[in-house]
Amino acid sequence: MLPLTTLSLALLSPAAVGVLAQQPKPPIKVAVSPHSHQRSPSSLATRGNGFIRAPIHAAQGAPKMLRRRQEDEGLNNENLGTTYTIDIEIGTPGQTVTLILDTGSPDLWVNPQCETSGQEKYCSSFPQFDYTKSKTIRDLEQADILSYGKGNVTIEYVTDDVVIGSAKVKSQILGIGFESHDIPLGILGLSPSVNPNNQPYPYLLDSMVDQGIISSRAFSLDLRSIDNPSGAIIFGGIDLAKFSGPLAKLPMLDPSQTPSGADRYWIVLSGVGMTYPDGEVAESDEIAIPVFLDSGGTLSRLPSTIFQAIGDSFPGSQYDPKSGFYIVDCSIASEPGSVDFIFGSNKKIRVPYGDFIWQVQSDVCVVGVLPTDDEPVFGDSFLRAAYVVYDQDNRNLHLAQAANCGEEIVEIGSGVNAVGSSLTGKCKEEAGGSGGGGGEGGLDVTTTRKPTRTASGGGPQVTNSEFGPGPAGTRVSTGGLGLPTPTGSGGGGGGGNGGNDDDDSRASGLDVGVTVAVALAGLNMLVVWLL
């Protein structure tokens, strides 16, 4: 590995944003293929007074490549699991793209390489952004390598107009995929900058506030289950008819209080419980575990003692040491039990069995949690049951039990009381019991022990390969690479597109410049090794 030089990138100035290469390139001939996921985001989104509501879609990845275990052969899961996506428009005229909605990373980028995505057929079923057709794109002649828990991408930074519903964010900085691995869709990141002292450029939320589209850097997220199409993200707003009970305000942890030192949506988990199908409730003693909320992760990752306590509590569960999962009978998902998580003094989020169990094949199901003793994270297996308001400006998260009893959206204002302290959901709150502590009937989440039941040699095994958070690492910046040829295009010369309403010049490619490392430690980024 070559040594990395660390430096800080200042916010890109308006002059830098307008930089274009001078020599034109011939237009690229783009081969257009039919796509099965084309939707019009403007026709589905809603814009109100100070907010934008955009639907999100629960999407299954490519067909699962699974097989029964024979000898030491296991189930190979090449699927990302359930991913939550959002449709936006980019460029002039607008082109619809589908992106993974990710609260675990900050960047917006498009155009993964389908050939190296690991899911080529699935990736190719989504339209990509043809930047050669946009009149408003600007090449910033700056590239980055972004790495995630699974996969990485080399991007070229550009600016272009982004439309969510009827709201246009002008000259937003985003990345065009140049080379990528193991990522089938682009990403719309909504986390804070991983380094709170060095944000390299204005992210999407920053631009929405700066351009007066919303009042503060805040949004609410309602994922819903895979079979429910009503999930949504509301930039600058809260839907009171999508949760029950009061919103509990939880402070985001300072980066110095987190396992990695990175700035994420970290809060404190205060307790864990189980509500069994017969109504019996067991709860742990009070704990204080930092966890962060990541909509880009299919599963949740919790300390090994909590993982074991939850896994052993599922009826008939068996621990599979080869995959690290607890295997359960798929029929358990339809039983009226829940895994319960407690925050603050008394806010309990009940995750129904059906949302916490991951069905990897028609007859193979696993508990949607894996062990970690490094950086605990609540992924989609938790977030499906929670209504969450992310308030970056005031560094608070607000949680309530997700529900659905209509629609009543209120604006998130600005200032310290942007999210009202007395907001209560309009839906009827379900009755629920309270459990004991660590005594009889309690749930022990502090003792390390062997699993109660272990899968035998003939049982199923699942290989985890989900998209999700990775350990802290670095962002690697390079000089401009030149805009790449869009996936599926053929013929023509080199890539690149620039121009505006008055200028049809094309951005030219540049040789790779000196590599530098920008210190942006982040949970969704891996250390990039340069050979």
Foldseek 3Di string as FASTA:
>chain_A
DDDFFADFADADDPVLQADFDDAFFDFFFFDDDAADDDDDQQVQWDADDQKIKTFKAWDWAAQFQFDFDDQNDFTEGLIQFIFIWTWKFWAVVTDIFIATEKQFDFAFEWFAFLVQQSRNVRLVNTDGDDQQPGFAKGFSQKWWWFFFAFKIFIWTWIFTWMGRHNDIQGRAIHTYTFYMHNHSTTHHYLWPFQDPVGDNYDTPLSSCCVVPSHAASKKKWARADNPDRGTIIMGQKDWLQFFFWFWDKFFADQLVPFLASTGGRKGWWFWKKKQDLVRQIAIAHTDTDIAGEIQQHLFWEEAPLQQQLVLLPQPPWAAEVVAQWIKDFPVSLPGAMFIWIAHDPGAIFTQRSVLQWGDSDPGTITGRYGYDPGHTYGYRSRSNQWIWMQGPVQRIIIIGGTDHDDTDMDGQHDDNCSPPNGRGHPDHDDDGDDHDYPPVRYGDRPDDDDRPHHDDSSGHHYHDDHTHWAFWAWMKMKGFAARQRRPNTDDGDGDFFYHHPVGGGTGGGDHIGDIHIYGRTGRGGDHDDDD
